[in-house]
Amino acid sequence: MILEAAYLHVIPSQTAEFENSFRQASSIISSMKGYVNHELHKCMEIQNKYLLLVWWETLEDHTVGFRGSEEYQEWKRLLHHYYDPFPVVEHFTEVDLNEKRGQL
């Protein structure tokens, strides 16, 4: 499983509108092949900063499947005009903390 993470800096005067648009956009992303789950968190210290976390089955489900889809065009239309600056999206894999390397 892959975790997509992005800090979203929303234009300060548009946070309420962004949250409403994100609720609408959630149905788009959740219908995509390989989608597992997503969460949106609002920063407590910086009122217009959000953290988006999306779990995908594979990296390609996000980078090729979702971003290459017609549904992504609607996602962009709903959300991208709120960001300043445009977010950097990164992908992560889980580190197995139960592995005991080098021990006999």
PDB file of N, CA and C in Angstrom:
ATOM      1  N   MET A   1       0.842  -1.177   0.000  1.00  0.00           N
ATOM      2  CA  MET A   1       0.000   0.000   0.000  1.00  0.00           C
ATOM      3  C   MET A   1       0.892   1.247   0.000  1.00  0.00           C
ATOM      4  N   ILE A   2       0.405   2.280  -0.639  1.00  0.00           N
ATOM      5  CA  ILE A   2       1.121   3.552  -0.789  1.00  0.00           C
ATOM      6  C   ILE A   2       0.327   4.641  -0.068  1.00  0.00           C
ATOM      7  N   LEU A   3       1.052   5.519   0.618  1.00  0.00           N
ATOM      8  CA  LEU A   3       0.430   6.682   1.252  1.00  0.00           C
ATOM      9  C   LEU A   3       0.838   7.931   0.494  1.00  0.00           C
ATOM     10  N   GLU A   4      -0.133   8.632  -0.024  1.00  0.00           N
ATOM     11  CA  GLU A   4       0.075   9.943  -0.659  1.00  0.00           C
ATOM     12  C   GLU A   4      -0.125  10.997   0.416  1.00  0.00           C
ATOM     13  N   ALA A   5       0.782  11.963   0.486  1.00  0.00           N
ATOM     14  CA  ALA A   5       0.673  13.031   1.478  1.00  0.00           C
ATOM     15  C   ALA A   5       0.931  14.374   0.820  1.00  0.00           C
ATOM     16  N   ALA A   6       0.114  15.355   1.168  1.00  0.00           N
ATOM     17  CA  ALA A   6       0.297  16.702   0.620  1.00  0.00           C
ATOM     18  C   ALA A   6      -0.161  17.731   1.637  1.00  0.00           C
ATOM     19  N   TYR A   7       0.692  18.743   1.849  1.00  0.00           N
ATOM     20  CA  TYR A   7       0.263  19.911   2.606  1.00  0.00           C
ATOM     21  C   TYR A   7      -0.444  20.838   1.634  1.00  0.00           C
ATOM     22  N   LEU A   8      -1.641  21.256   2.004  1.00  0.00           N
ATOM     23  CA  LEU A   8      -2.446  22.135   1.159  1.00  0.00           C
ATOM     24  C   LEU A   8      -2.536  23.492   1.836  1.00  0.00           C
ATOM     25  N   HIS A   9      -1.993  24.503   1.193  1.00  0.00           N
ATOM     26  CA  HIS A   9      -2.079  25.875   1.680  1.00  0.00           C
ATOM     27  C   HIS A   9      -3.203  26.551   0.905  1.00  0.00           C
ATOM     28  N   VAL A  10      -4.286  26.806   1.598  1.00  0.00           N
ATOM     29  CA  VAL A  10      -5.493  27.355   0.985  1.00  0.00           C
ATOM     30  C   VAL A  10      -5.491  28.863   1.165  1.00  0.00           C
ATOM     31  N   ILE A  11      -5.972  29.565   0.172  1.00  0.00           N
ATOM     32  CA  ILE A  11      -6.104  31.021   0.274  1.00  0.00           C
ATOM     33  C   ILE A  11      -6.917  31.318   1.541  1.00  0.00           C
ATOM     34  N   PRO A  12      -6.367  32.121   2.465  1.00  0.00           N
ATOM     35  CA  PRO A  12      -6.982  32.281   3.795  1.00  0.00           C
ATOM     36  C   PRO A  12      -8.471  32.638   3.796  1.00  0.00           C
ATOM     37  N   SER A  13      -8.895  33.447   2.901  1.00  0.00           N
ATOM     38  CA  SER A  13     -10.303  33.871   2.905  1.00  0.00           C
ATOM     39  C   SER A  13     -11.238  32.822   2.300  1.00  0.00           C
ATOM     40  N   GLN A  14     -10.684  31.681   1.852  1.00  0.00           N
ATOM     41  CA  GLN A  14     -11.508  30.703   1.146  1.00  0.00           C
ATOM     42  C   GLN A  14     -11.537  29.325   1.812  1.00  0.00           C
ATOM     43  N   THR A  15     -11.178  29.242   3.090  1.00  0.00           N
ATOM     44  CA  THR A  15     -11.113  27.926   3.738  1.00  0.00           C
ATOM     45  C   THR A  15     -12.486  27.251   3.845  1.00  0.00           C
ATOM     46  N   ALA A  16     -13.529  27.983   4.157  1.00  0.00           N
ATOM     47  CA  ALA A  16     -14.866  27.388   4.266  1.00  0.00           C
ATOM     48  C   ALA A  16     -15.329  26.848   2.918  1.00  0.00           C
ATOM     49  N   GLU A  17     -15.104  27.623   1.857  1.00  0.00           N
ATOM     50  CA  GLU A  17     -15.473  27.174   0.519  1.00  0.00           C
ATOM     51  C   GLU A  17     -14.661  25.959   0.107  1.00  0.00           C
ATOM     52  N   PHE A  18     -13.360  25.963   0.454  1.00  0.00           N
ATOM     53  CA  PHE A  18     -12.502  24.816   0.152  1.00  0.00           C
ATOM     54  C   PHE A  18     -13.040  23.560   0.828  1.00  0.00           C
ATOM     55  N   GLU A  19     -13.364  23.647   2.097  1.00  0.00           N
ATOM     56  CA  GLU A  19     -13.850  22.475   2.819  1.00  0.00           C
ATOM     57  C   GLU A  19     -15.137  21.936   2.204  1.00  0.00           C
ATOM     58  N   ASN A  20     -16.031  22.818   1.777  1.00  0.00           N
ATOM     59  CA  ASN A  20     -17.258  22.380   1.105  1.00  0.00           C
ATOM     60  C   ASN A  20     -16.947  21.713  -0.228  1.00  0.00           C
ATOM     61  N   SER A  21     -16.039  22.297  -0.988  1.00  0.00           N
ATOM     62  CA  SER A  21     -15.658  21.705  -2.274  1.00  0.00           C
ATOM     63  C   SER A  21     -14.962  20.368  -2.069  1.00  0.00           C
ATOM     64  N   PHE A  22     -14.157  20.266  -1.007  1.00  0.00           N
ATOM     65  CA  PHE A  22     -13.471  19.011  -0.743  1.00  0.00           C
ATOM     66  C   PHE A  22     -14.462  17.907  -0.393  1.00  0.00           C
ATOM     67  N   ARG A  23     -15.506  18.236   0.338  1.00  0.00           N
ATOM     68  CA  ARG A  23     -16.542  17.237   0.638  1.00  0.00           C
ATOM     69  C   ARG A  23     -17.131  16.689  -0.668  1.00  0.00           C
ATOM     70  N   GLN A  24     -17.367  17.567  -1.593  1.00  0.00           N
ATOM     71  CA  GLN A  24     -17.907  17.153  -2.898  1.00  0.00           C
ATOM     72  C   GLN A  24     -16.873  16.324  -3.665  1.00  0.00           C
ATOM     73  N   ALA A  25     -15.630  16.746  -3.654  1.00  0.00           N
ATOM     74  CA  ALA A  25     -14.568  16.049  -4.387  1.00  0.00           C
ATOM     75  C   ALA A  25     -14.244  14.681  -3.782  1.00  0.00           C
ATOM     76  N   SER A  26     -14.554  14.488  -2.517  1.00  0.00           N
ATOM     77  CA  SER A  26     -14.267  13.210  -1.865  1.00  0.00           C
ATOM     78  C   SER A  26     -14.945  12.040  -2.562  1.00  0.00           C
ATOM     79  N   SER A  27     -16.131  12.256  -3.080  1.00  0.00           N
ATOM     80  CA  SER A  27     -16.822  11.162  -3.782  1.00  0.00           C
ATOM     81  C   SER A  27     -16.112  10.802  -5.078  1.00  0.00           C
ATOM     82  N   ILE A  28     -15.400  11.749  -5.666  1.00  0.00           N
ATOM     83  CA  ILE A  28     -14.653  11.478  -6.895  1.00  0.00           C
ATOM     84  C   ILE A  28     -13.485  10.546  -6.600  1.00  0.00           C
ATOM     85  N   ILE A  29     -12.649  10.927  -5.663  1.00  0.00           N
ATOM     86  CA  ILE A  29     -11.448  10.145  -5.390  1.00  0.00           C
ATOM     87  C   ILE A  29     -11.800   8.769  -4.829  1.00  0.00           C
ATOM     88  N   SER A  30     -12.831   8.708  -3.996  1.00  0.00           N
ATOM     89  CA  SER A  30     -13.178   7.437  -3.369  1.00  0.00           C
ATOM     90  C   SER A  30     -13.755   6.420  -4.351  1.00  0.00           C
ATOM     91  N   SER A  31     -14.116   6.861  -5.550  1.00  0.00           N
ATOM     92  CA  SER A  31     -14.654   5.947  -6.562  1.00  0.00           C
ATOM     93  C   SER A  31     -13.575   5.378  -7.489  1.00  0.00           C
ATOM     94  N   MET A  32     -12.325   5.792  -7.304  1.00  0.00           N
ATOM     95  CA  MET A  32     -11.260   5.413  -8.236  1.00  0.00           C
ATOM     96  C   MET A  32     -10.691   4.030  -7.935  1.00  0.00           C
ATOM     97  N   LYS A  33     -10.258   3.347  -8.986  1.00  0.00           N
ATOM     98  CA  LYS A  33      -9.608   2.046  -8.856  1.00  0.00           C
ATOM     99  C   LYS A  33      -8.350   2.199  -7.990  1.00  0.00           C
ATOM    100  N   GLY A  34      -8.179   1.301  -7.045  1.00  0.00           N
ATOM    101  CA  GLY A  34      -6.998   1.314  -6.193  1.00  0.00           C
ATOM    102  C   GLY A  34      -7.084   2.215  -4.980  1.00  0.00           C
ATOM    103  N   TYR A  35      -8.137   3.006  -4.895  1.00  0.00           N
ATOM    104  CA  TYR A  35      -8.336   3.870  -3.729  1.00  0.00           C
ATOM    105  C   TYR A  35      -8.640   3.002  -2.515  1.00  0.00           C
ATOM    106  N   VAL A  36      -8.037   3.353  -1.370  1.00  0.00           N
ATOM    107  CA  VAL A  36      -8.293   2.639  -0.125  1.00  0.00           C
ATOM    108  C   VAL A  36      -9.019   3.539   0.876  1.00  0.00           C
ATOM    109  N   ASN A  37      -8.460   4.721   1.126  1.00  0.00           N
ATOM    110  CA  ASN A  37      -9.041   5.620   2.129  1.00  0.00           C
ATOM    111  C   ASN A  37      -8.398   6.997   1.975  1.00  0.00           C
ATOM    112  N   HIS A  38      -9.043   8.023   2.519  1.00  0.00           N
ATOM    113  CA  HIS A  38      -8.408   9.344   2.578  1.00  0.00           C
ATOM    114  C   HIS A  38      -8.885  10.102   3.807  1.00  0.00           C
ATOM    115  N   GLU A  39      -8.034  11.045   4.217  1.00  0.00           N
ATOM    116  CA  GLU A  39      -8.324  11.908   5.359  1.00  0.00           C
ATOM    117  C   GLU A  39      -7.834  13.311   5.044  1.00  0.00           C
ATOM    118  N   LEU A  40      -8.571  14.287   5.522  1.00  0.00           N
ATOM    119  CA  LEU A  40      -8.150  15.681   5.423  1.00  0.00           C
ATOM    120  C   LEU A  40      -8.078  16.228   6.840  1.00  0.00           C
ATOM    121  N   HIS A  41      -6.917  16.792   7.194  1.00  0.00           N
ATOM    122  CA  HIS A  41      -6.708  17.338   8.532  1.00  0.00           C
ATOM    123  C   HIS A  41      -6.398  18.829   8.419  1.00  0.00           C
ATOM    124  N   LYS A  42      -6.979  19.619   9.328  1.00  0.00           N
ATOM    125  CA  LYS A  42      -6.719  21.057   9.365  1.00  0.00           C
ATOM    126  C   LYS A  42      -5.690  21.344  10.444  1.00  0.00           C
ATOM    127  N   CYS A  43      -4.694  22.132  10.116  1.00  0.00           N
ATOM    128  CA  CYS A  43      -3.632  22.488  11.046  1.00  0.00           C
ATOM    129  C   CYS A  43      -4.200  23.364  12.163  1.00  0.00           C
ATOM    130  N   MET A  44      -3.779  23.078  13.371  1.00  0.00           N
ATOM    131  CA  MET A  44      -4.256  23.854  14.517  1.00  0.00           C
ATOM    132  C   MET A  44      -3.509  25.172  14.670  1.00  0.00           C
ATOM    133  N   GLU A  45      -2.264  25.222  14.217  1.00  0.00           N
ATOM    134  CA  GLU A  45      -1.464  26.442  14.366  1.00  0.00           C
ATOM    135  C   GLU A  45      -1.615  27.408  13.192  1.00  0.00           C
ATOM    136  N   ILE A  46      -1.805  26.886  11.997  1.00  0.00           N
ATOM    137  CA  ILE A  46      -1.925  27.719  10.794  1.00  0.00           C
ATOM    138  C   ILE A  46      -3.289  27.416  10.180  1.00  0.00           C
ATOM    139  N   GLN A  47      -4.217  28.355  10.297  1.00  0.00           N
ATOM    140  CA  GLN A  47      -5.624  28.101   9.991  1.00  0.00           C
ATOM    141  C   GLN A  47      -5.930  27.779   8.528  1.00  0.00           C
ATOM    142  N   ASN A  48      -5.042  28.122   7.620  1.00  0.00           N
ATOM    143  CA  ASN A  48      -5.327  27.844   6.209  1.00  0.00           C
ATOM    144  C   ASN A  48      -4.459  26.702   5.661  1.00  0.00           C
ATOM    145  N   LYS A  49      -3.874  25.917   6.561  1.00  0.00           N
ATOM    146  CA  LYS A  49      -3.014  24.805   6.157  1.00  0.00           C
ATOM    147  C   LYS A  49      -3.717  23.485   6.481  1.00  0.00           C
ATOM    148  N   TYR A  50      -3.689  22.570   5.503  1.00  0.00           N
ATOM    149  CA  TYR A  50      -4.324  21.269   5.646  1.00  0.00           C
ATOM    150  C   TYR A  50      -3.319  20.186   5.271  1.00  0.00           C
ATOM    151  N   LEU A  51      -3.562  18.996   5.789  1.00  0.00           N
ATOM    152  CA  LEU A  51      -2.786  17.825   5.419  1.00  0.00           C
ATOM    153  C   LEU A  51      -3.741  16.821   4.802  1.00  0.00           C
ATOM    154  N   LEU A  52      -3.470  16.458   3.555  1.00  0.00           N
ATOM    155  CA  LEU A  52      -4.259  15.446   2.856  1.00  0.00           C
ATOM    156  C   LEU A  52      -3.474  14.145   2.846  1.00  0.00           C
ATOM    157  N   LEU A  53      -4.111  13.078   3.304  1.00  0.00           N
ATOM    158  CA  LEU A  53      -3.531  11.740   3.281  1.00  0.00           C
ATOM    159  C   LEU A  53      -4.457  10.842   2.475  1.00  0.00           C
ATOM    160  N   VAL A  54      -3.888  10.142   1.493  1.00  0.00           N
ATOM    161  CA  VAL A  54      -4.670   9.216   0.677  1.00  0.00           C
ATOM    162  C   VAL A  54      -3.901   7.903   0.585  1.00  0.00           C
ATOM    163  N   TRP A  55      -4.584   6.813   0.894  1.00  0.00           N
ATOM    164  CA  TRP A  55      -3.984   5.490   0.753  1.00  0.00           C
ATOM    165  C   TRP A  55      -4.446   4.870  -0.555  1.00  0.00           C
ATOM    166  N   TRP A  56      -3.473   4.352  -1.317  1.00  0.00           N
ATOM    167  CA  TRP A  56      -3.701   3.707  -2.607  1.00  0.00           C
ATOM    168  C   TRP A  56      -3.120   2.295  -2.574  1.00  0.00           C
ATOM    169  N   GLU A  57      -3.684   1.407  -3.352  1.00  0.00           N
ATOM    170  CA  GLU A  57      -3.131   0.057  -3.442  1.00  0.00           C
ATOM    171  C   GLU A  57      -1.739   0.077  -4.079  1.00  0.00           C
ATOM    172  N   THR A  58      -1.579   0.878  -5.147  1.00  0.00           N
ATOM    173  CA  THR A  58      -0.279   0.991  -5.820  1.00  0.00           C
ATOM    174  C   THR A  58      -0.009   2.454  -6.158  1.00  0.00           C
ATOM    175  N   LEU A  59       1.244   2.770  -6.404  1.00  0.00           N
ATOM    176  CA  LEU A  59       1.615   4.124  -6.824  1.00  0.00           C
ATOM    177  C   LEU A  59       0.929   4.483  -8.138  1.00  0.00           C
ATOM    178  N   GLU A  60       0.870   3.518  -9.055  1.00  0.00           N
ATOM    179  CA  GLU A  60       0.264   3.771 -10.363  1.00  0.00           C
ATOM    180  C   GLU A  60      -1.232   4.050 -10.280  1.00  0.00           C
ATOM    181  N   ASP A  61      -1.894   3.482  -9.270  1.00  0.00           N
ATOM    182  CA  ASP A  61      -3.323   3.795  -9.107  1.00  0.00           C
ATOM    183  C   ASP A  61      -3.524   5.295  -8.920  1.00  0.00           C
ATOM    184  N   HIS A  62      -2.561   5.956  -8.276  1.00  0.00           N
ATOM    185  CA  HIS A  62      -2.661   7.404  -8.105  1.00  0.00           C
ATOM    186  C   HIS A  62      -2.093   8.149  -9.304  1.00  0.00           C
ATOM    187  N   THR A  63      -0.829   7.866  -9.638  1.00  0.00           N
ATOM    188  CA  THR A  63      -0.112   8.689 -10.616  1.00  0.00           C
ATOM    189  C   THR A  63      -0.591   8.481 -12.050  1.00  0.00           C
ATOM    190  N   VAL A  64      -1.017   7.285 -12.380  1.00  0.00           N
ATOM    191  CA  VAL A  64      -1.483   6.996 -13.739  1.00  0.00           C
ATOM    192  C   VAL A  64      -3.005   6.930 -13.786  1.00  0.00           C
ATOM    193  N   GLY A  65      -3.579   6.067 -12.935  1.00  0.00           N
ATOM    194  CA  GLY A  65      -5.024   5.861 -12.961  1.00  0.00           C
ATOM    195  C   GLY A  65      -5.825   7.098 -12.611  1.00  0.00           C
ATOM    196  N   PHE A  66      -5.601   7.646 -11.432  1.00  0.00           N
ATOM    197  CA  PHE A  66      -6.371   8.815 -11.012  1.00  0.00           C
ATOM    198  C   PHE A  66      -5.989  10.062 -11.794  1.00  0.00           C
ATOM    199  N   ARG A  67      -4.706  10.370 -11.824  1.00  0.00           N
ATOM    200  CA  ARG A  67      -4.293  11.611 -12.498  1.00  0.00           C
ATOM    201  C   ARG A  67      -4.527  11.584 -14.000  1.00  0.00           C
ATOM    202  N   GLY A  68      -4.637  10.409 -14.577  1.00  0.00           N
ATOM    203  CA  GLY A  68      -4.896  10.311 -16.017  1.00  0.00           C
ATOM    204  C   GLY A  68      -6.362  10.186 -16.365  1.00  0.00           C
ATOM    205  N   SER A  69      -7.222  10.285 -15.381  1.00  0.00           N
ATOM    206  CA  SER A  69      -8.655  10.038 -15.601  1.00  0.00           C
ATOM    207  C   SER A  69      -9.433  11.322 -15.867  1.00  0.00           C
ATOM    208  N   GLU A  70     -10.625  11.131 -16.428  1.00  0.00           N
ATOM    209  CA  GLU A  70     -11.552  12.255 -16.597  1.00  0.00           C
ATOM    210  C   GLU A  70     -12.015  12.777 -15.243  1.00  0.00           C
ATOM    211  N   GLU A  71     -12.140  11.872 -14.278  1.00  0.00           N
ATOM    212  CA  GLU A  71     -12.565  12.275 -12.938  1.00  0.00           C
ATOM    213  C   GLU A  71     -11.571  13.251 -12.313  1.00  0.00           C
ATOM    214  N   TYR A  72     -10.287  13.080 -12.636  1.00  0.00           N
ATOM    215  CA  TYR A  72      -9.273  13.994 -12.091  1.00  0.00           C
ATOM    216  C   TYR A  72      -9.496  15.421 -12.606  1.00  0.00           C
ATOM    217  N   GLN A  73      -9.989  15.557 -13.814  1.00  0.00           N
ATOM    218  CA  GLN A  73     -10.271  16.893 -14.346  1.00  0.00           C
ATOM    219  C   GLN A  73     -11.329  17.604 -13.502  1.00  0.00           C
ATOM    220  N   GLU A  74     -12.312  16.853 -13.049  1.00  0.00           N
ATOM    221  CA  GLU A  74     -13.343  17.425 -12.176  1.00  0.00           C
ATOM    222  C   GLU A  74     -12.758  17.744 -10.800  1.00  0.00           C
ATOM    223  N   TRP A  75     -11.884  16.870 -10.283  1.00  0.00           N
ATOM    224  CA  TRP A  75     -11.166  17.108  -9.017  1.00  0.00           C
ATOM    225  C   TRP A  75     -10.405  18.430  -9.108  1.00  0.00           C
ATOM    226  N   LYS A  76      -9.655  18.606 -10.188  1.00  0.00           N
ATOM    227  CA  LYS A  76      -8.894  19.838 -10.394  1.00  0.00           C
ATOM    228  C   LYS A  76      -9.813  21.055 -10.433  1.00  0.00           C
ATOM    229  N   ARG A  77     -10.906  20.931 -11.170  1.00  0.00           N
ATOM    230  CA  ARG A  77     -11.844  22.049 -11.309  1.00  0.00           C
ATOM    231  C   ARG A  77     -12.398  22.458  -9.948  1.00  0.00           C
ATOM    232  N   LEU A  78     -12.682  21.481  -9.094  1.00  0.00           N
ATOM    233  CA  LEU A  78     -13.255  21.762  -7.786  1.00  0.00           C
ATOM    234  C   LEU A  78     -12.252  22.343  -6.797  1.00  0.00           C
ATOM    235  N   LEU A  79     -10.968  21.929  -6.880  1.00  0.00           N
ATOM    236  CA  LEU A  79     -10.043  22.211  -5.783  1.00  0.00           C
ATOM    237  C   LEU A  79      -8.816  23.053  -6.108  1.00  0.00           C
ATOM    238  N   HIS A  80      -8.262  22.946  -7.280  1.00  0.00           N
ATOM    239  CA  HIS A  80      -6.939  23.517  -7.516  1.00  0.00           C
ATOM    240  C   HIS A  80      -6.878  25.035  -7.418  1.00  0.00           C
ATOM    241  N   HIS A  81      -7.964  25.728  -7.637  1.00  0.00           N
ATOM    242  CA  HIS A  81      -7.941  27.199  -7.555  1.00  0.00           C
ATOM    243  C   HIS A  81      -7.847  27.723  -6.118  1.00  0.00           C
ATOM    244  N   TYR A  82      -7.971  26.842  -5.125  1.00  0.00           N
ATOM    245  CA  TYR A  82      -7.869  27.265  -3.725  1.00  0.00           C
ATOM    246  C   TYR A  82      -6.428  27.322  -3.216  1.00  0.00           C
ATOM    247  N   TYR A  83      -5.491  26.685  -3.916  1.00  0.00           N
ATOM    248  CA  TYR A  83      -4.142  26.506  -3.382  1.00  0.00           C
ATOM    249  C   TYR A  83      -3.206  27.662  -3.730  1.00  0.00           C
ATOM    250  N   ASP A  84      -2.453  28.115  -2.720  1.00  0.00           N
ATOM    251  CA  ASP A  84      -1.424  29.134  -2.921  1.00  0.00           C
ATOM    252  C   ASP A  84      -0.374  28.989  -1.822  1.00  0.00           C
ATOM    253  N   PRO A  85       0.760  28.388  -2.166  1.00  0.00           N
ATOM    254  CA  PRO A  85       1.205  27.879  -3.465  1.00  0.00           C
ATOM    255  C   PRO A  85       0.598  26.509  -3.754  1.00  0.00           C
ATOM    256  N   PHE A  86       0.844  26.034  -4.970  1.00  0.00           N
ATOM    257  CA  PHE A  86       0.347  24.719  -5.358  1.00  0.00           C
ATOM    258  C   PHE A  86       1.094  23.658  -4.550  1.00  0.00           C
ATOM    259  N   PRO A  87       0.405  22.641  -4.046  1.00  0.00           N
ATOM    260  CA  PRO A  87       1.041  21.670  -3.149  1.00  0.00           C
ATOM    261  C   PRO A  87       2.023  20.727  -3.847  1.00  0.00           C
ATOM    262  N   VAL A  88       2.998  20.295  -3.070  1.00  0.00           N
ATOM    263  CA  VAL A  88       3.894  19.220  -3.472  1.00  0.00           C
ATOM    264  C   VAL A  88       3.291  17.942  -2.918  1.00  0.00           C
ATOM    265  N   VAL A  89       3.152  16.942  -3.778  1.00  0.00           N
ATOM    266  CA  VAL A  89       2.586  15.655  -3.380  1.00  0.00           C
ATOM    267  C   VAL A  89       3.721  14.647  -3.293  1.00  0.00           C
ATOM    268  N   GLU A  90       3.762  13.902  -2.193  1.00  0.00           N
ATOM    269  CA  GLU A  90       4.799  12.889  -2.005  1.00  0.00           C
ATOM    270  C   GLU A  90       4.133  11.560  -1.685  1.00  0.00           C
ATOM    271  N   HIS A  91       4.867  10.467  -1.958  1.00  0.00           N
ATOM    272  CA  HIS A  91       4.351   9.116  -1.736  1.00  0.00           C
ATOM    273  C   HIS A  91       5.273   8.372  -0.780  1.00  0.00           C
ATOM    274  N   PHE A  92       4.659   7.583   0.112  1.00  0.00           N
ATOM    275  CA  PHE A  92       5.413   6.887   1.150  1.00  0.00           C
ATOM    276  C   PHE A  92       4.998   5.424   1.215  1.00  0.00           C
ATOM    277  N   THR A  93       5.957   4.588   1.631  1.00  0.00           N
ATOM    278  CA  THR A  93       5.660   3.205   1.957  1.00  0.00           C
ATOM    279  C   THR A  93       5.982   2.989   3.430  1.00  0.00           C
ATOM    280  N   GLU A  94       5.295   2.057   4.029  1.00  0.00           N
ATOM    281  CA  GLU A  94       5.465   1.809   5.455  1.00  0.00           C
ATOM    282  C   GLU A  94       6.776   1.085   5.734  1.00  0.00           C
ATOM    283  N   VAL A  95       7.421   1.475   6.796  1.00  0.00           N
ATOM    284  CA  VAL A  95       8.635   0.814   7.264  1.00  0.00           C
ATOM    285  C   VAL A  95       8.204  -0.300   8.217  1.00  0.00           C
ATOM    286  N   ASP A  96       8.708  -1.500   7.988  1.00  0.00           N
ATOM    287  CA  ASP A  96       8.396  -2.625   8.859  1.00  0.00           C
ATOM    288  C   ASP A  96       9.222  -2.514  10.133  1.00  0.00           C
ATOM    289  N   LEU A  97       8.605  -2.122  11.216  1.00  0.00           N
ATOM    290  CA  LEU A  97       9.301  -1.929  12.479  1.00  0.00           C
ATOM    291  C   LEU A  97       9.415  -3.226  13.279  1.00  0.00           C
ATOM    292  N   ASN A  98       8.829  -4.290  12.776  1.00  0.00           N
ATOM    293  CA  ASN A  98       8.890  -5.573  13.462  1.00  0.00           C
ATOM    294  C   ASN A  98      10.058  -6.425  13.007  1.00  0.00           C
ATOM    295  N   GLU A  99      10.695  -6.023  11.920  1.00  0.00           N
ATOM    296  CA  GLU A  99      11.832  -6.781  11.397  1.00  0.00           C
ATOM    297  C   GLU A  99      13.020  -6.640  12.333  1.00  0.00           C
ATOM    298  N   LYS A 100      13.715  -7.739  12.585  1.00  0.00           N
ATOM    299  CA  LYS A 100      14.893  -7.722  13.451  1.00  0.00           C
ATOM    300  C   LYS A 100      16.099  -8.135  12.627  1.00  0.00           C
ATOM    301  N   ARG A 101      16.679  -7.224  11.931  1.00  0.00           N
ATOM    302  CA  ARG A 101      17.840  -7.501  11.080  1.00  0.00           C
ATOM    303  C   ARG A 101      19.107  -7.598  11.922  1.00  0.00           C
ATOM    304  N   GLY A 102      19.945  -8.534  11.552  1.00  0.00           N
ATOM    305  CA  GLY A 102      21.244  -8.638  12.179  1.00  0.00           C
ATOM    306  C   GLY A 102      21.230  -9.330  13.534  1.00  0.00           C
ATOM    307  N   GLN A 103      20.063  -9.785  13.964  1.00  0.00           N
ATOM    308  CA  GLN A 103      20.000 -10.480  15.249  1.00  0.00           C
ATOM    309  C   GLN A 103      19.909 -11.982  15.002  1.00  0.00           C
ATOM    310  N   LEU A 104      20.562 -12.773  15.834  1.00  0.00           N
ATOM    311  CA  LEU A 104      20.526 -14.243  15.719  1.00  0.00           C
ATOM    312  C   LEU A 104      19.404 -14.825  16.542  1.00  0.00           C
TER     313      LEU A 104
END
